Amino acid sequence: MNSGRTVFSQLISFLPDREFRRCVARYGGNRRLREFSCWDQYLTMAFAQLTYRESLRDIEACLRSLQGKLYHIGFRGQVSRSTLADANENRDWRIFADFAQVLIGMARPLYAHDPIGVDLNQTLYALDSSTIDLCLSLFPWARFRKHKAAVKMHTLLDLHGNIPTFIRITEGKLHDVNILDEFLPEPEAFYPHLT
């Protein structure tokens, strides 16, 4: 019998929980909750991402198979599909966006001096976008073409460690050059555009 901590629990222990609580408090994320806290939601989605879960049903089935170990993994409440769906739909997304910025702020200094194949003292960024196709009948607000829906995810990567520093999801028709107005450029940094 394993008496040590799980790998997931060890990974979660590196997260700054005080900063997460600040993000939750900033947007009132845990107000009027009985069981499934924002922290449980974050753990569930992080677990789903790390274990390649493909749907809410898949997440629920996987976590139910670990029912006796959930507390030791770090979960404080039981995870059901409907509760997770409600939390994903109703909770303020800015809680998790702000926490992502905290994590990015922690990770960037760790990779600031990694070699990138070019001898530069300045920061080198790459701006790229990906079009995400959607079903027009389910997402009529995201009309892209006559019979197609889409959104576009614009990402600015710090090439020291390939860390995303800016992500914006827009309508599918928005060109990359228009996203340059959305962030404040860093002095003396290079911003090539990927095609």
C-alpha atoms as a PDB file:
ATOM      1  CA  MET A   1       0.000   0.000   0.000  1.00  0.00           C
ATOM      2  CA  ASN A   2       1.331   3.427  -0.993  1.00  0.00           C
ATOM      3  CA  SER A   3       1.726   5.717   2.008  1.00  0.00           C
ATOM      4  CA  GLY A   4       3.159   8.691   0.089  1.00  0.00           C
ATOM      5  CA  ARG A   5       1.404  11.568  -1.593  1.00  0.00           C
ATOM      6  CA  THR A   6       0.017  11.250  -5.115  1.00  0.00           C
ATOM      7  CA  VAL A   7       1.797  12.997  -7.981  1.00  0.00           C
ATOM      8  CA  PHE A   8      -1.216  15.268  -8.510  1.00  0.00           C
ATOM      9  CA  SER A   9      -1.184  16.255  -4.840  1.00  0.00           C
ATOM     10  CA  GLN A  10       2.527  17.040  -5.063  1.00  0.00           C
ATOM     11  CA  LEU A  11       1.955  19.223  -8.146  1.00  0.00           C
ATOM     12  CA  ILE A  12      -0.907  21.097  -6.473  1.00  0.00           C
ATOM     13  CA  SER A  13       1.249  21.799  -3.407  1.00  0.00           C
ATOM     14  CA  PHE A  14       3.369  24.173  -5.543  1.00  0.00           C
ATOM     15  CA  LEU A  15       0.373  26.394  -6.315  1.00  0.00           C
ATOM     16  CA  PRO A  16       0.107  29.645  -4.328  1.00  0.00           C
ATOM     17  CA  ASP A  17      -3.221  28.992  -2.593  1.00  0.00           C
ATOM     18  CA  ARG A  18      -3.192  32.420  -0.924  1.00  0.00           C
ATOM     19  CA  GLU A  19      -3.128  34.064  -4.358  1.00  0.00           C
ATOM     20  CA  PHE A  20      -5.957  31.811  -5.509  1.00  0.00           C
ATOM     21  CA  ARG A  21      -8.050  32.831  -2.494  1.00  0.00           C
ATOM     22  CA  ARG A  22      -7.390  36.484  -3.349  1.00  0.00           C
ATOM     23  CA  CYS A  23      -8.619  35.923  -6.902  1.00  0.00           C
ATOM     24  CA  VAL A  24     -11.743  34.181  -5.594  1.00  0.00           C
ATOM     25  CA  ALA A  25     -12.418  36.953  -3.070  1.00  0.00           C
ATOM     26  CA  ARG A  26     -11.916  39.650  -5.724  1.00  0.00           C
ATOM     27  CA  TYR A  27     -14.870  38.310  -7.725  1.00  0.00           C
ATOM     28  CA  GLY A  28     -16.930  36.762  -4.906  1.00  0.00           C
ATOM     29  CA  GLY A  29     -16.510  33.277  -6.308  1.00  0.00           C
ATOM     30  CA  ASN A  30     -17.387  31.287  -3.174  1.00  0.00           C
ATOM     31  CA  ARG A  31     -20.419  33.350  -2.233  1.00  0.00           C
ATOM     32  CA  ARG A  32     -23.565  31.295  -1.561  1.00  0.00           C
ATOM     33  CA  LEU A  33     -21.826  27.948  -2.108  1.00  0.00           C
ATOM     34  CA  ARG A  34     -22.559  24.861  -0.087  1.00  0.00           C
ATOM     35  CA  GLU A  35     -20.060  22.263  -1.224  1.00  0.00           C
ATOM     36  CA  PHE A  36     -18.268  22.650  -4.568  1.00  0.00           C
ATOM     37  CA  SER A  37     -15.811  25.513  -4.017  1.00  0.00           C
ATOM     38  CA  CYS A  38     -13.826  27.380  -6.662  1.00  0.00           C
ATOM     39  CA  TRP A  39     -10.748  25.493  -5.472  1.00  0.00           C
ATOM     40  CA  ASP A  40     -12.512  22.156  -6.100  1.00  0.00           C
ATOM     41  CA  GLN A  41     -13.525  23.394  -9.544  1.00  0.00           C
ATOM     42  CA  TYR A  42      -9.938  24.424 -10.307  1.00  0.00           C
ATOM     43  CA  LEU A  43      -8.590  21.062  -9.112  1.00  0.00           C
ATOM     44  CA  THR A  44     -11.171  19.220 -11.188  1.00  0.00           C
ATOM     45  CA  MET A  45     -10.327  21.101 -14.367  1.00  0.00           C
ATOM     46  CA  ALA A  46      -6.568  20.810 -13.743  1.00  0.00           C
ATOM     47  CA  PHE A  47      -6.966  17.067 -13.153  1.00  0.00           C
ATOM     48  CA  ALA A  48      -9.033  16.788 -16.350  1.00  0.00           C
ATOM     49  CA  GLN A  49      -6.385  18.628 -18.357  1.00  0.00           C
ATOM     50  CA  LEU A  50      -3.478  16.588 -16.986  1.00  0.00           C
ATOM     51  CA  THR A  51      -5.263  13.256 -17.515  1.00  0.00           C
ATOM     52  CA  TYR A  52      -6.618  14.102 -20.990  1.00  0.00           C
ATOM     53  CA  ARG A  53     -10.301  13.871 -20.074  1.00  0.00           C
ATOM     54  CA  GLU A  54     -12.556  14.633 -23.051  1.00  0.00           C
ATOM     55  CA  SER A  55     -15.953  15.461 -21.535  1.00  0.00           C
ATOM     56  CA  LEU A  56     -17.752  16.163 -18.284  1.00  0.00           C
ATOM     57  CA  ARG A  57     -18.947  12.558 -18.247  1.00  0.00           C
ATOM     58  CA  ASP A  58     -15.354  11.375 -18.687  1.00  0.00           C
ATOM     59  CA  ILE A  59     -14.159  13.635 -15.845  1.00  0.00           C
ATOM     60  CA  GLU A  60     -16.918  12.374 -13.539  1.00  0.00           C
ATOM     61  CA  ALA A  61     -16.246   8.698 -14.360  1.00  0.00           C
ATOM     62  CA  CYS A  62     -12.520   9.081 -13.775  1.00  0.00           C
ATOM     63  CA  LEU A  63     -12.968  10.873 -10.442  1.00  0.00           C
ATOM     64  CA  ARG A  64     -15.595   8.368  -9.268  1.00  0.00           C
ATOM     65  CA  SER A  65     -13.108   5.572  -9.886  1.00  0.00           C
ATOM     66  CA  LEU A  66     -10.810   7.367  -7.433  1.00  0.00           C
ATOM     67  CA  GLN A  67     -13.567   8.035  -4.874  1.00  0.00           C
ATOM     68  CA  GLY A  68     -11.613   6.730  -1.897  1.00  0.00           C
ATOM     69  CA  LYS A  69      -8.510   8.725  -2.799  1.00  0.00           C
ATOM     70  CA  LEU A  70     -10.088  12.098  -3.663  1.00  0.00           C
ATOM     71  CA  TYR A  71      -9.388  13.610  -0.258  1.00  0.00           C
ATOM     72  CA  HIS A  72      -5.733  12.597  -0.475  1.00  0.00           C
ATOM     73  CA  ILE A  73      -5.476  14.034  -3.983  1.00  0.00           C
ATOM     74  CA  GLY A  74      -6.692  17.385  -2.646  1.00  0.00           C
ATOM     75  CA  PHE A  75     -10.448  17.439  -3.330  1.00  0.00           C
ATOM     76  CA  ARG A  76     -12.726  18.454  -0.478  1.00  0.00           C
ATOM     77  CA  GLY A  77     -16.056  17.642  -2.110  1.00  0.00           C
ATOM     78  CA  GLN A  78     -17.565  15.070  -4.405  1.00  0.00           C
ATOM     79  CA  VAL A  79     -17.604  15.962  -8.097  1.00  0.00           C
ATOM     80  CA  SER A  80     -20.742  15.320 -10.102  1.00  0.00           C
ATOM     81  CA  ARG A  81     -21.269  16.159 -13.744  1.00  0.00           C
ATOM     82  CA  SER A  82     -24.194  18.544 -13.172  1.00  0.00           C
ATOM     83  CA  THR A  83     -22.410  20.413 -10.373  1.00  0.00           C
ATOM     84  CA  LEU A  84     -19.304  20.834 -12.507  1.00  0.00           C
ATOM     85  CA  ALA A  85     -21.379  21.959 -15.503  1.00  0.00           C
ATOM     86  CA  ASP A  86     -23.196  24.532 -13.358  1.00  0.00           C
ATOM     87  CA  ALA A  87     -19.923  25.797 -11.892  1.00  0.00           C
ATOM     88  CA  ASN A  88     -18.316  26.113 -15.339  1.00  0.00           C
ATOM     89  CA  GLU A  89     -21.337  27.989 -16.624  1.00  0.00           C
ATOM     90  CA  ASN A  90     -22.020  30.319 -13.696  1.00  0.00           C
ATOM     91  CA  ARG A  91     -18.705  31.087 -11.995  1.00  0.00           C
ATOM     92  CA  ASP A  92     -16.785  34.168 -12.998  1.00  0.00           C
ATOM     93  CA  TRP A  93     -14.073  33.193 -15.474  1.00  0.00           C
ATOM     94  CA  ARG A  94     -11.914  36.119 -14.339  1.00  0.00           C
ATOM     95  CA  ILE A  95     -11.034  34.181 -11.154  1.00  0.00           C
ATOM     96  CA  PHE A  96      -9.144  31.632 -13.205  1.00  0.00           C
ATOM     97  CA  ALA A  97      -7.773  34.191 -15.691  1.00  0.00           C
ATOM     98  CA  ASP A  98      -6.279  36.221 -12.838  1.00  0.00           C
ATOM     99  CA  PHE A  99      -4.827  33.093 -11.252  1.00  0.00           C
ATOM    100  CA  ALA A 100      -3.314  32.106 -14.612  1.00  0.00           C
ATOM    101  CA  GLN A 101      -1.582  35.494 -14.710  1.00  0.00           C
ATOM    102  CA  VAL A 102      -0.199  34.815 -11.215  1.00  0.00           C
ATOM    103  CA  LEU A 103       1.193  31.457 -12.388  1.00  0.00           C
ATOM    104  CA  ILE A 104       2.646  33.025 -15.544  1.00  0.00           C
ATOM    105  CA  GLY A 105       4.304  35.669 -13.373  1.00  0.00           C
ATOM    106  CA  MET A 106       5.899  32.896 -11.311  1.00  0.00           C
ATOM    107  CA  ALA A 107       7.048  30.866 -14.337  1.00  0.00           C
ATOM    108  CA  ARG A 108       8.551  33.610 -16.510  1.00  0.00           C
ATOM    109  CA  PRO A 109      11.545  34.406 -14.253  1.00  0.00           C
ATOM    110  CA  LEU A 110      12.406  30.686 -14.104  1.00  0.00           C
ATOM    111  CA  TYR A 111      12.962  30.600 -17.881  1.00  0.00           C
ATOM    112  CA  ALA A 112      14.201  34.166 -18.434  1.00  0.00           C
ATOM    113  CA  HIS A 113      17.776  33.106 -19.190  1.00  0.00           C
ATOM    114  CA  ASP A 114      17.150  29.895 -21.125  1.00  0.00           C
ATOM    115  CA  PRO A 115      18.810  29.850 -24.549  1.00  0.00           C
ATOM    116  CA  ILE A 116      16.448  30.175 -27.509  1.00  0.00           C
ATOM    117  CA  GLY A 117      18.936  29.731 -30.345  1.00  0.00           C
ATOM    118  CA  VAL A 118      19.358  33.461 -30.938  1.00  0.00           C
ATOM    119  CA  ASP A 119      21.783  35.659 -29.035  1.00  0.00           C
ATOM    120  CA  LEU A 120      19.471  38.412 -27.733  1.00  0.00           C
ATOM    121  CA  ASN A 121      19.418  40.348 -24.502  1.00  0.00           C
ATOM    122  CA  GLN A 122      15.814  41.398 -25.132  1.00  0.00           C
ATOM    123  CA  THR A 123      12.692  39.321 -24.756  1.00  0.00           C
ATOM    124  CA  LEU A 124      11.489  37.573 -27.905  1.00  0.00           C
ATOM    125  CA  TYR A 125       7.767  37.007 -28.351  1.00  0.00           C
ATOM    126  CA  ALA A 126       5.756  35.182 -30.991  1.00  0.00           C
ATOM    127  CA  LEU A 127       2.204  36.231 -31.827  1.00  0.00           C
ATOM    128  CA  ASP A 128       0.052  33.588 -33.434  1.00  0.00           C
ATOM    129  CA  SER A 129      -3.592  32.681 -33.715  1.00  0.00           C
ATOM    130  CA  SER A 130      -5.629  29.548 -34.189  1.00  0.00           C
ATOM    131  CA  THR A 131      -9.113  29.392 -35.635  1.00  0.00           C
ATOM    132  CA  ILE A 132     -11.373  27.056 -33.696  1.00  0.00           C
ATOM    133  CA  ASP A 133     -14.234  25.722 -35.813  1.00  0.00           C
ATOM    134  CA  LEU A 134     -17.663  25.545 -34.172  1.00  0.00           C
ATOM    135  CA  CYS A 135     -21.037  24.194 -35.177  1.00  0.00           C
ATOM    136  CA  LEU A 136     -23.144  27.069 -36.522  1.00  0.00           C
ATOM    137  CA  SER A 137     -26.417  25.611 -35.208  1.00  0.00           C
ATOM    138  CA  LEU A 138     -25.026  25.462 -31.647  1.00  0.00           C
ATOM    139  CA  PHE A 139     -23.083  28.742 -31.789  1.00  0.00           C
ATOM    140  CA  PRO A 140     -25.055  31.145 -34.012  1.00  0.00           C
ATOM    141  CA  TRP A 141     -23.361  34.119 -32.330  1.00  0.00           C
ATOM    142  CA  ALA A 142     -19.988  32.994 -33.749  1.00  0.00           C
ATOM    143  CA  ARG A 143     -20.852  33.218 -37.473  1.00  0.00           C
ATOM    144  CA  PHE A 144     -17.627  32.986 -39.480  1.00  0.00           C
ATOM    145  CA  ARG A 145     -18.780  32.147 -42.985  1.00  0.00           C
ATOM    146  CA  LYS A 146     -22.140  31.409 -44.574  1.00  0.00           C
ATOM    147  CA  HIS A 147     -22.395  27.867 -43.179  1.00  0.00           C
ATOM    148  CA  LYS A 148     -19.651  27.895 -40.559  1.00  0.00           C
ATOM    149  CA  ALA A 149     -19.009  29.282 -37.070  1.00  0.00           C
ATOM    150  CA  ALA A 150     -15.621  29.909 -35.480  1.00  0.00           C
ATOM    151  CA  VAL A 151     -13.704  31.792 -32.836  1.00  0.00           C
ATOM    152  CA  LYS A 152     -10.064  32.738 -32.960  1.00  0.00           C
ATOM    153  CA  MET A 153      -7.573  32.337 -30.138  1.00  0.00           C
ATOM    154  CA  HIS A 154      -4.723  34.859 -30.299  1.00  0.00           C
ATOM    155  CA  THR A 155      -1.679  33.888 -28.233  1.00  0.00           C
ATOM    156  CA  LEU A 156       1.466  35.826 -27.412  1.00  0.00           C
ATOM    157  CA  LEU A 157       4.267  33.446 -26.396  1.00  0.00           C
ATOM    158  CA  ASP A 158       7.406  34.374 -24.518  1.00  0.00           C
ATOM    159  CA  LEU A 159       9.895  32.195 -26.375  1.00  0.00           C
ATOM    160  CA  HIS A 160      11.985  31.765 -23.234  1.00  0.00           C
ATOM    161  CA  GLY A 161      10.190  28.659 -22.007  1.00  0.00           C
ATOM    162  CA  ASN A 162       7.262  28.951 -24.459  1.00  0.00           C
ATOM    163  CA  ILE A 163       5.064  30.548 -21.833  1.00  0.00           C
ATOM    164  CA  PRO A 164       1.864  32.255 -22.989  1.00  0.00           C
ATOM    165  CA  THR A 165       1.801  35.817 -21.691  1.00  0.00           C
ATOM    166  CA  PHE A 166      -1.389  36.956 -23.421  1.00  0.00           C
ATOM    167  CA  ILE A 167      -4.392  35.018 -24.706  1.00  0.00           C
ATOM    168  CA  ARG A 168      -7.513  36.542 -26.195  1.00  0.00           C
ATOM    169  CA  ILE A 169     -10.461  34.726 -27.767  1.00  0.00           C
ATOM    170  CA  THR A 170     -12.237  36.805 -30.407  1.00  0.00           C
ATOM    171  CA  GLU A 171     -14.635  36.359 -33.302  1.00  0.00           C
ATOM    172  CA  GLY A 172     -13.208  34.241 -36.099  1.00  0.00           C
ATOM    173  CA  LYS A 173     -12.948  37.107 -38.582  1.00  0.00           C
ATOM    174  CA  LEU A 174     -10.640  39.312 -36.503  1.00  0.00           C
ATOM    175  CA  HIS A 175      -7.201  39.652 -38.107  1.00  0.00           C
ATOM    176  CA  ASP A 176      -4.047  39.256 -35.997  1.00  0.00           C
ATOM    177  CA  VAL A 177      -2.881  42.812 -36.620  1.00  0.00           C
ATOM    178  CA  ASN A 178      -5.967  44.116 -34.790  1.00  0.00           C
ATOM    179  CA  ILE A 179      -5.028  42.244 -31.624  1.00  0.00           C
ATOM    180  CA  LEU A 180      -1.872  44.340 -31.252  1.00  0.00           C
ATOM    181  CA  ASP A 181      -4.036  47.097 -29.756  1.00  0.00           C
ATOM    182  CA  GLU A 182      -5.114  44.727 -26.964  1.00  0.00           C
ATOM    183  CA  PHE A 183      -1.831  44.478 -25.054  1.00  0.00           C
ATOM    184  CA  LEU A 184       0.862  46.881 -23.929  1.00  0.00           C
ATOM    185  CA  PRO A 185       4.135  46.149 -25.758  1.00  0.00           C
ATOM    186  CA  GLU A 186       7.194  45.612 -23.604  1.00  0.00           C
ATOM    187  CA  PRO A 187      10.016  48.114 -24.289  1.00  0.00           C
ATOM    188  CA  GLU A 188      12.890  46.755 -26.419  1.00  0.00           C
ATOM    189  CA  ALA A 189      11.169  43.390 -26.987  1.00  0.00           C
ATOM    190  CA  PHE A 190      10.814  41.728 -30.405  1.00  0.00           C
ATOM    191  CA  TYR A 191       7.360  40.742 -31.677  1.00  0.00           C
ATOM    192  CA  PRO A 192       7.594  38.746 -34.931  1.00  0.00           C
ATOM    193  CA  HIS A 193       4.331  37.398 -36.348  1.00  0.00           C
ATOM    194  CA  LEU A 194       4.073  33.706 -37.191  1.00  0.00           C
ATOM    195  CA  THR A 195       2.308  32.738 -40.382  1.00  0.00           C
END
